[in-house]
N, C-alpha and C. Protein backbone atom coordinates (compact mmCIF):
# COMPACT_ATOMS: atom_id res chain seq x y z
N MET A 1 242.08 -215.32 144.50
CA MET A 1 242.97 -215.48 145.61
C MET A 1 242.48 -216.67 146.42
N ILE A 2 243.39 -217.49 146.79
CA ILE A 2 243.07 -218.65 147.64
C ILE A 2 243.80 -218.47 148.97
N ILE A 3 243.06 -218.54 150.05
CA ILE A 3 243.65 -218.47 151.38
C ILE A 3 243.61 -219.88 151.97
N GLU A 4 244.77 -220.48 152.10
CA GLU A 4 244.85 -221.81 152.73
C GLU A 4 244.87 -221.60 154.24
N THR A 5 244.04 -222.36 154.94
CA THR A 5 243.93 -222.17 156.38
C THR A 5 243.82 -223.51 157.09
N ASP A 6 244.41 -223.58 158.27
CA ASP A 6 244.28 -224.77 159.11
C ASP A 6 242.98 -224.73 159.90
N ASP A 7 242.38 -223.56 160.07
CA ASP A 7 241.12 -223.45 160.79
C ASP A 7 240.04 -222.97 159.82
N PHE A 8 239.59 -223.88 158.98
CA PHE A 8 238.63 -223.57 157.93
C PHE A 8 237.35 -222.97 158.49
N ASP A 9 236.82 -223.58 159.54
CA ASP A 9 235.56 -223.11 160.11
C ASP A 9 235.66 -221.66 160.59
N GLU A 10 236.77 -221.31 161.24
CA GLU A 10 236.97 -219.94 161.73
C GLU A 10 237.09 -218.97 160.56
N ALA A 11 237.82 -219.36 159.51
CA ALA A 11 237.98 -218.49 158.34
C ALA A 11 236.63 -218.26 157.66
N VAL A 12 235.83 -219.30 157.48
CA VAL A 12 234.51 -219.16 156.86
C VAL A 12 233.62 -218.27 157.74
N ARG A 13 233.66 -218.51 159.04
CA ARG A 13 232.85 -217.70 159.95
C ARG A 13 233.21 -216.22 159.81
N PHE A 14 234.51 -215.92 159.77
CA PHE A 14 234.94 -214.53 159.71
C PHE A 14 234.56 -213.87 158.37
N TYR A 15 234.96 -214.46 157.27
CA TYR A 15 234.75 -213.82 155.96
C TYR A 15 233.29 -213.90 155.51
N ARG A 16 232.62 -215.01 155.72
CA ARG A 16 231.24 -215.15 155.28
C ARG A 16 230.26 -214.56 156.29
N ASP A 17 230.38 -214.99 157.54
CA ASP A 17 229.37 -214.63 158.53
C ASP A 17 229.60 -213.26 159.16
N VAL A 18 230.86 -212.92 159.46
CA VAL A 18 231.15 -211.63 160.09
C VAL A 18 231.22 -210.52 159.05
N LEU A 19 231.99 -210.73 157.98
CA LEU A 19 232.14 -209.69 156.96
C LEU A 19 231.02 -209.70 155.93
N GLY A 20 230.23 -210.75 155.90
CA GLY A 20 229.04 -210.78 155.04
C GLY A 20 229.30 -211.07 153.58
N MET A 21 230.39 -211.75 153.26
CA MET A 21 230.66 -212.10 151.87
C MET A 21 229.78 -213.27 151.46
N PRO A 22 228.94 -213.10 150.43
CA PRO A 22 228.05 -214.20 150.02
C PRO A 22 228.85 -215.40 149.51
N GLU A 23 228.37 -216.58 149.87
CA GLU A 23 229.03 -217.81 149.44
C GLU A 23 228.34 -218.35 148.19
N GLN A 24 229.15 -218.85 147.26
CA GLN A 24 228.59 -219.47 146.07
C GLN A 24 228.95 -220.95 146.07
N PRO A 25 228.19 -221.78 145.34
CA PRO A 25 228.49 -223.21 145.31
C PRO A 25 229.91 -223.46 144.80
N ALA A 26 230.58 -224.43 145.40
CA ALA A 26 231.94 -224.78 145.02
C ALA A 26 232.11 -226.29 145.09
N PHE A 27 232.96 -226.85 144.25
CA PHE A 27 233.18 -228.29 144.21
C PHE A 27 234.22 -228.71 145.23
N ALA A 28 233.95 -229.76 145.96
CA ALA A 28 234.92 -230.42 146.84
C ALA A 28 234.51 -231.88 146.92
N THR A 29 235.41 -232.74 147.35
CA THR A 29 235.08 -234.16 147.45
C THR A 29 234.50 -234.44 148.83
N VAL A 30 235.17 -235.22 149.64
CA VAL A 30 234.65 -235.57 150.97
C VAL A 30 235.73 -235.39 152.02
N GLY A 31 235.35 -235.48 153.27
CA GLY A 31 236.30 -235.42 154.38
C GLY A 31 236.91 -234.05 154.54
N ASP A 32 238.25 -234.01 154.59
CA ASP A 32 238.97 -232.75 154.81
C ASP A 32 239.06 -231.88 153.55
N ASP A 33 238.58 -232.35 152.42
CA ASP A 33 238.58 -231.55 151.19
C ASP A 33 237.42 -230.58 151.28
N ARG A 34 237.72 -229.37 151.76
CA ARG A 34 236.68 -228.35 151.96
C ARG A 34 237.09 -227.06 151.28
N VAL A 35 236.12 -226.38 150.72
CA VAL A 35 236.37 -225.11 150.06
C VAL A 35 235.13 -224.24 150.19
N SER A 36 235.33 -222.97 150.29
CA SER A 36 234.23 -222.01 150.30
C SER A 36 234.63 -220.87 149.38
N ILE A 37 233.86 -220.63 148.33
CA ILE A 37 234.13 -219.52 147.43
C ILE A 37 233.20 -218.38 147.82
N LEU A 38 233.82 -217.27 148.20
CA LEU A 38 233.07 -216.13 148.70
C LEU A 38 233.19 -214.97 147.72
N GLN A 39 232.10 -214.31 147.49
CA GLN A 39 232.10 -213.15 146.59
C GLN A 39 232.59 -211.94 147.36
N ALA A 40 233.65 -211.35 146.84
CA ALA A 40 234.27 -210.21 147.51
C ALA A 40 234.04 -208.92 146.74
N GLY A 41 233.07 -208.91 145.85
CA GLY A 41 232.79 -207.69 145.09
C GLY A 41 233.85 -207.45 144.04
N VAL A 42 233.98 -206.23 143.60
CA VAL A 42 234.98 -205.86 142.61
C VAL A 42 236.34 -205.86 143.30
N ALA A 43 237.32 -206.42 142.64
CA ALA A 43 238.65 -206.52 143.24
C ALA A 43 239.67 -205.73 142.46
N THR A 44 240.64 -205.22 143.15
CA THR A 44 241.80 -204.62 142.53
C THR A 44 243.03 -205.28 143.13
N ILE A 45 244.12 -205.24 142.43
CA ILE A 45 245.39 -205.72 142.95
C ILE A 45 246.28 -204.50 143.11
N GLU A 46 246.76 -204.29 144.32
CA GLU A 46 247.64 -203.16 144.59
C GLU A 46 249.04 -203.70 144.75
N LEU A 47 249.93 -203.33 143.86
CA LEU A 47 251.33 -203.72 143.95
C LEU A 47 252.06 -202.59 144.64
N ALA A 48 252.86 -202.90 145.65
CA ALA A 48 253.51 -201.85 146.43
C ALA A 48 254.92 -202.26 146.81
N THR A 49 255.81 -201.29 146.85
CA THR A 49 257.15 -201.53 147.33
C THR A 49 257.13 -201.61 148.86
N HIS A 50 258.21 -202.12 149.43
CA HIS A 50 258.31 -202.19 150.89
C HIS A 50 258.21 -200.79 151.49
N ALA A 51 258.81 -199.79 150.83
CA ALA A 51 258.75 -198.41 151.33
C ALA A 51 257.31 -197.91 151.37
N HIS A 52 256.52 -198.26 150.36
CA HIS A 52 255.13 -197.81 150.35
C HIS A 52 254.33 -198.50 151.46
N VAL A 53 254.58 -199.79 151.65
CA VAL A 53 253.89 -200.53 152.72
C VAL A 53 254.22 -199.90 154.08
N GLN A 54 255.48 -199.53 154.29
CA GLN A 54 255.85 -198.87 155.54
C GLN A 54 255.16 -197.52 155.67
N ALA A 55 255.03 -196.79 154.56
CA ALA A 55 254.35 -195.49 154.60
C ALA A 55 252.88 -195.68 154.97
N ILE A 56 252.23 -196.69 154.43
CA ILE A 56 250.83 -196.97 154.75
C ILE A 56 250.70 -197.36 156.22
N ASP A 57 251.62 -198.19 156.71
CA ASP A 57 251.60 -198.55 158.13
C ASP A 57 251.66 -197.29 159.00
N ALA A 58 252.52 -196.35 158.63
CA ALA A 58 252.66 -195.11 159.40
C ALA A 58 251.39 -194.28 159.31
N ILE A 59 250.82 -194.17 158.12
CA ILE A 59 249.59 -193.38 157.94
C ILE A 59 248.44 -193.98 158.75
N GLU A 60 248.32 -195.31 158.72
CA GLU A 60 247.22 -195.98 159.41
C GLU A 60 247.47 -196.15 160.90
N ASN A 61 248.62 -195.70 161.38
CA ASN A 61 248.96 -195.86 162.80
C ASN A 61 248.88 -197.32 163.23
N ALA A 62 249.41 -198.19 162.37
CA ALA A 62 249.33 -199.62 162.64
C ALA A 62 250.14 -199.98 163.88
N ALA A 63 249.52 -200.79 164.71
CA ALA A 63 250.17 -201.24 165.95
C ALA A 63 251.22 -202.30 165.61
N PRO A 64 252.20 -202.48 166.49
CA PRO A 64 253.16 -203.56 166.27
C PRO A 64 252.45 -204.91 166.23
N SER A 65 253.04 -205.84 165.52
CA SER A 65 252.46 -207.17 165.44
C SER A 65 252.59 -207.87 166.79
N ALA A 66 251.95 -209.04 166.91
CA ALA A 66 252.01 -209.80 168.17
C ALA A 66 253.44 -210.16 168.53
N ALA A 67 254.30 -210.28 167.51
CA ALA A 67 255.70 -210.60 167.75
C ALA A 67 256.50 -209.38 168.22
N GLY A 68 255.86 -208.21 168.24
CA GLY A 68 256.51 -207.02 168.74
C GLY A 68 257.12 -206.14 167.67
N GLY A 69 257.21 -206.63 166.45
CA GLY A 69 257.80 -205.84 165.37
C GLY A 69 256.74 -205.04 164.65
N PRO A 70 257.14 -204.32 163.62
CA PRO A 70 256.16 -203.55 162.85
C PRO A 70 255.15 -204.46 162.17
N THR A 71 253.94 -203.95 161.95
CA THR A 71 252.89 -204.73 161.32
C THR A 71 253.34 -205.28 159.98
N SER A 72 254.10 -204.49 159.22
CA SER A 72 254.51 -204.93 157.89
C SER A 72 255.50 -206.09 157.94
N ALA A 73 255.95 -206.49 159.13
CA ALA A 73 256.80 -207.66 159.23
C ALA A 73 255.98 -208.93 159.05
N GLY A 74 254.66 -208.80 158.97
CA GLY A 74 253.77 -209.94 158.79
C GLY A 74 253.70 -210.38 157.35
N PRO A 75 252.55 -210.81 156.92
CA PRO A 75 252.42 -211.35 155.57
C PRO A 75 252.68 -210.27 154.52
N THR A 76 253.22 -210.70 153.38
CA THR A 76 253.47 -209.75 152.31
C THR A 76 252.24 -209.55 151.45
N LEU A 77 251.19 -210.23 151.78
CA LEU A 77 249.93 -210.08 151.08
C LEU A 77 248.85 -209.79 152.11
N ARG A 78 248.12 -208.70 151.93
CA ARG A 78 247.03 -208.33 152.83
C ARG A 78 245.76 -208.21 152.02
N LEU A 79 244.65 -208.35 152.69
CA LEU A 79 243.37 -208.09 152.05
C LEU A 79 242.97 -206.66 152.37
N ALA A 80 242.49 -205.94 151.37
CA ALA A 80 241.96 -204.60 151.57
C ALA A 80 240.55 -204.61 151.01
N LEU A 81 239.58 -204.37 151.87
CA LEU A 81 238.17 -204.46 151.49
C LEU A 81 237.52 -203.10 151.60
N GLU A 82 236.91 -202.65 150.49
CA GLU A 82 236.17 -201.39 150.53
C GLU A 82 234.84 -201.64 151.21
N VAL A 83 234.51 -200.79 152.16
CA VAL A 83 233.26 -200.92 152.91
C VAL A 83 232.55 -199.57 152.90
N ASP A 84 231.26 -199.60 153.19
CA ASP A 84 230.49 -198.36 153.29
C ASP A 84 230.77 -197.62 154.59
N ASP A 85 231.15 -198.37 155.64
CA ASP A 85 231.33 -197.78 156.95
C ASP A 85 232.47 -198.51 157.67
N THR A 86 233.65 -197.92 157.66
CA THR A 86 234.82 -198.56 158.28
C THR A 86 234.61 -198.81 159.76
N GLU A 87 234.03 -197.83 160.45
CA GLU A 87 233.82 -197.98 161.90
C GLU A 87 232.96 -199.20 162.19
N GLN A 88 231.90 -199.38 161.43
CA GLN A 88 231.01 -200.53 161.63
C GLN A 88 231.73 -201.84 161.30
N ALA A 89 232.51 -201.86 160.23
CA ALA A 89 233.24 -203.08 159.85
C ALA A 89 234.21 -203.49 160.95
N VAL A 90 234.90 -202.53 161.54
CA VAL A 90 235.83 -202.83 162.63
C VAL A 90 235.07 -203.31 163.86
N ALA A 91 233.98 -202.66 164.19
CA ALA A 91 233.20 -203.05 165.37
C ALA A 91 232.68 -204.48 165.23
N VAL A 92 232.15 -204.81 164.07
CA VAL A 92 231.62 -206.16 163.84
C VAL A 92 232.76 -207.18 163.91
N SER A 93 233.90 -206.85 163.30
CA SER A 93 235.04 -207.76 163.30
C SER A 93 235.60 -207.95 164.71
N ALA A 94 235.75 -206.86 165.44
CA ALA A 94 236.27 -206.93 166.80
C ALA A 94 235.33 -207.72 167.71
N ALA A 95 234.03 -207.51 167.55
CA ALA A 95 233.06 -208.27 168.35
C ALA A 95 233.13 -209.76 168.05
N ALA A 96 233.58 -210.09 166.84
CA ALA A 96 233.71 -211.50 166.46
C ALA A 96 235.09 -212.06 166.81
N GLY A 97 235.92 -211.26 167.48
CA GLY A 97 237.20 -211.77 167.96
C GLY A 97 238.43 -211.32 167.19
N ALA A 98 238.26 -210.53 166.12
CA ALA A 98 239.43 -210.05 165.37
C ALA A 98 240.15 -208.98 166.18
N GLY A 99 241.46 -209.06 166.23
CA GLY A 99 242.24 -208.03 166.91
C GLY A 99 242.38 -206.81 166.04
N VAL A 100 242.27 -205.63 166.63
CA VAL A 100 242.43 -204.38 165.87
C VAL A 100 243.92 -204.05 165.83
N LEU A 101 244.47 -203.98 164.61
CA LEU A 101 245.89 -203.67 164.42
C LEU A 101 246.12 -202.19 164.18
N ALA A 102 245.16 -201.52 163.55
CA ALA A 102 245.28 -200.09 163.28
C ALA A 102 243.89 -199.47 163.45
N PRO A 103 243.80 -198.42 164.24
CA PRO A 103 242.49 -197.80 164.51
C PRO A 103 241.98 -197.02 163.30
N LEU A 104 240.75 -196.54 163.40
CA LEU A 104 240.18 -195.69 162.35
C LEU A 104 241.11 -194.50 162.11
N THR A 105 241.47 -194.31 160.85
CA THR A 105 242.38 -193.23 160.49
C THR A 105 241.91 -192.61 159.19
N ARG A 106 241.77 -191.29 159.19
CA ARG A 106 241.49 -190.59 157.93
C ARG A 106 242.83 -190.39 157.24
N THR A 107 242.95 -190.90 156.03
CA THR A 107 244.22 -190.88 155.31
C THR A 107 244.35 -189.63 154.45
N PRO A 108 245.59 -189.30 154.04
CA PRO A 108 245.77 -188.16 153.14
C PRO A 108 245.16 -188.40 151.76
N PHE A 109 244.90 -189.65 151.43
CA PHE A 109 244.29 -189.95 150.13
C PHE A 109 242.77 -190.08 150.25
N GLN A 110 242.21 -189.51 151.31
CA GLN A 110 240.77 -189.35 151.50
C GLN A 110 240.00 -190.67 151.60
N THR A 111 240.49 -191.50 152.47
CA THR A 111 239.76 -192.71 152.86
C THR A 111 239.79 -192.78 154.38
N ILE A 112 238.88 -193.57 154.92
CA ILE A 112 238.95 -193.90 156.35
C ILE A 112 239.36 -195.36 156.40
N ASN A 113 240.54 -195.61 156.95
CA ASN A 113 241.10 -196.96 156.99
C ASN A 113 241.19 -197.46 158.43
N ALA A 114 241.16 -198.77 158.55
CA ALA A 114 241.45 -199.45 159.81
C ALA A 114 241.89 -200.86 159.44
N ARG A 115 242.64 -201.49 160.31
CA ARG A 115 243.15 -202.83 159.99
C ARG A 115 242.89 -203.78 161.15
N VAL A 116 242.48 -205.00 160.82
CA VAL A 116 242.25 -206.04 161.82
C VAL A 116 243.06 -207.27 161.47
N GLN A 117 243.24 -208.12 162.45
CA GLN A 117 243.91 -209.40 162.24
C GLN A 117 242.84 -210.44 161.95
N GLY A 118 242.79 -210.91 160.74
CA GLY A 118 241.84 -211.95 160.36
C GLY A 118 242.39 -213.32 160.69
N PRO A 119 241.62 -214.36 160.43
CA PRO A 119 242.09 -215.71 160.69
C PRO A 119 243.20 -216.10 159.71
N ALA A 120 243.92 -217.15 160.04
CA ALA A 120 244.99 -217.73 159.23
C ALA A 120 246.15 -216.75 159.02
N GLY A 121 246.29 -215.77 159.92
CA GLY A 121 247.42 -214.86 159.85
C GLY A 121 247.28 -213.72 158.86
N TRP A 122 246.12 -213.56 158.26
CA TRP A 122 245.92 -212.52 157.25
C TRP A 122 245.47 -211.22 157.91
N GLN A 123 246.06 -210.12 157.46
CA GLN A 123 245.61 -208.81 157.89
C GLN A 123 244.55 -208.32 156.91
N VAL A 124 243.51 -207.70 157.44
CA VAL A 124 242.43 -207.16 156.61
C VAL A 124 242.32 -205.66 156.88
N THR A 125 242.53 -204.87 155.83
CA THR A 125 242.34 -203.43 155.92
C THR A 125 240.96 -203.10 155.38
N PHE A 126 240.18 -202.38 156.15
CA PHE A 126 238.90 -201.86 155.69
C PHE A 126 239.14 -200.43 155.25
N PHE A 127 238.60 -200.05 154.11
CA PHE A 127 238.72 -198.65 153.68
C PHE A 127 237.39 -198.16 153.14
N GLN A 128 237.10 -196.93 153.50
CA GLN A 128 235.87 -196.25 153.10
C GLN A 128 236.28 -195.03 152.28
N GLU A 129 235.89 -195.01 151.01
CA GLU A 129 236.24 -193.89 150.13
C GLU A 129 235.44 -192.65 150.54
N LEU A 130 236.12 -191.50 150.58
CA LEU A 130 235.47 -190.24 150.93
C LEU A 130 235.29 -189.33 149.73
N GLU A 131 235.84 -189.71 148.60
CA GLU A 131 235.66 -188.94 147.38
C GLU A 131 235.69 -189.89 146.18
N SER A 132 235.21 -189.40 145.06
CA SER A 132 235.15 -190.24 143.86
C SER A 132 236.52 -190.37 143.22
N LEU A 133 236.66 -191.35 142.34
CA LEU A 133 237.90 -191.53 141.61
C LEU A 133 238.21 -190.28 140.77
N ASP A 134 237.19 -189.67 140.17
CA ASP A 134 237.40 -188.44 139.39
C ASP A 134 237.97 -187.33 140.26
N GLU A 135 237.43 -187.16 141.46
CA GLU A 135 237.94 -186.13 142.37
C GLU A 135 239.38 -186.44 142.78
N ARG A 136 239.62 -187.70 143.09
CA ARG A 136 240.93 -188.11 143.59
C ARG A 136 242.03 -187.91 142.55
N GLN A 137 241.77 -188.27 141.30
CA GLN A 137 242.84 -188.21 140.32
C GLN A 137 243.20 -186.78 139.91
N LYS A 138 242.44 -185.79 140.37
CA LYS A 138 242.76 -184.39 140.10
C LYS A 138 243.71 -183.82 141.16
N ARG A 139 243.93 -184.56 142.23
CA ARG A 139 244.77 -184.06 143.32
C ARG A 139 246.22 -184.47 143.14
N ASP A 140 247.13 -183.68 143.71
CA ASP A 140 248.56 -183.99 143.66
C ASP A 140 248.83 -185.35 144.27
N GLY A 141 249.75 -186.07 143.65
CA GLY A 141 250.17 -187.36 144.17
C GLY A 141 249.44 -188.54 143.54
N PHE A 142 248.35 -188.28 142.84
CA PHE A 142 247.59 -189.37 142.23
C PHE A 142 247.93 -189.44 140.75
N ALA A 143 248.50 -190.58 140.33
CA ALA A 143 248.86 -190.79 138.94
C ALA A 143 249.09 -192.27 138.74
N THR A 144 249.09 -192.70 137.50
CA THR A 144 249.49 -194.07 137.21
C THR A 144 251.02 -194.12 137.24
N ASP A 145 251.58 -195.30 137.46
CA ASP A 145 253.02 -195.42 137.65
C ASP A 145 253.80 -194.90 136.44
N ASP A 146 253.29 -195.11 135.23
CA ASP A 146 254.00 -194.64 134.03
C ASP A 146 254.03 -193.12 133.91
N ARG A 147 253.20 -192.42 134.65
CA ARG A 147 253.15 -190.96 134.61
C ARG A 147 253.71 -190.30 135.88
N ARG A 148 254.15 -191.12 136.81
CA ARG A 148 254.64 -190.60 138.08
C ARG A 148 256.11 -190.21 137.96
N ALA A 149 256.47 -189.07 138.48
CA ALA A 149 257.87 -188.64 138.49
C ALA A 149 258.69 -189.57 139.38
N ARG A 150 259.87 -189.85 138.96
CA ARG A 150 260.74 -190.77 139.74
C ARG A 150 261.93 -190.04 140.28
């Protein structure tokens, strides 16, 4: 994933220095040609319909965006980062100037989620797993899309 930003220094400060993502060497030329490749751990891609995004907004008690509309009226791509401690991740982010969009919320899918406004207009959801994948997939509602009733 590449996040293009007009405030490169602020984005690097937030993702590298505040969230603690290790930086690896990256090629760039000179002047305004700047890049920072940050290790974000294991990644997953979550594909979701608009209805599902709205359901997540409701579950996470997401606050309206700065424009006054629902949070999901923002970018169609959000970052979701698994953390060991959601409360600490939000506290560190908020202390560094990130606005809290959704407070700590225990979800029905057994995570503790919260959402902040990151730089360059990106929303960042922190989630802390409360049970293992094995435990989760035994519960109602958890299935792969090809096995889900429609």
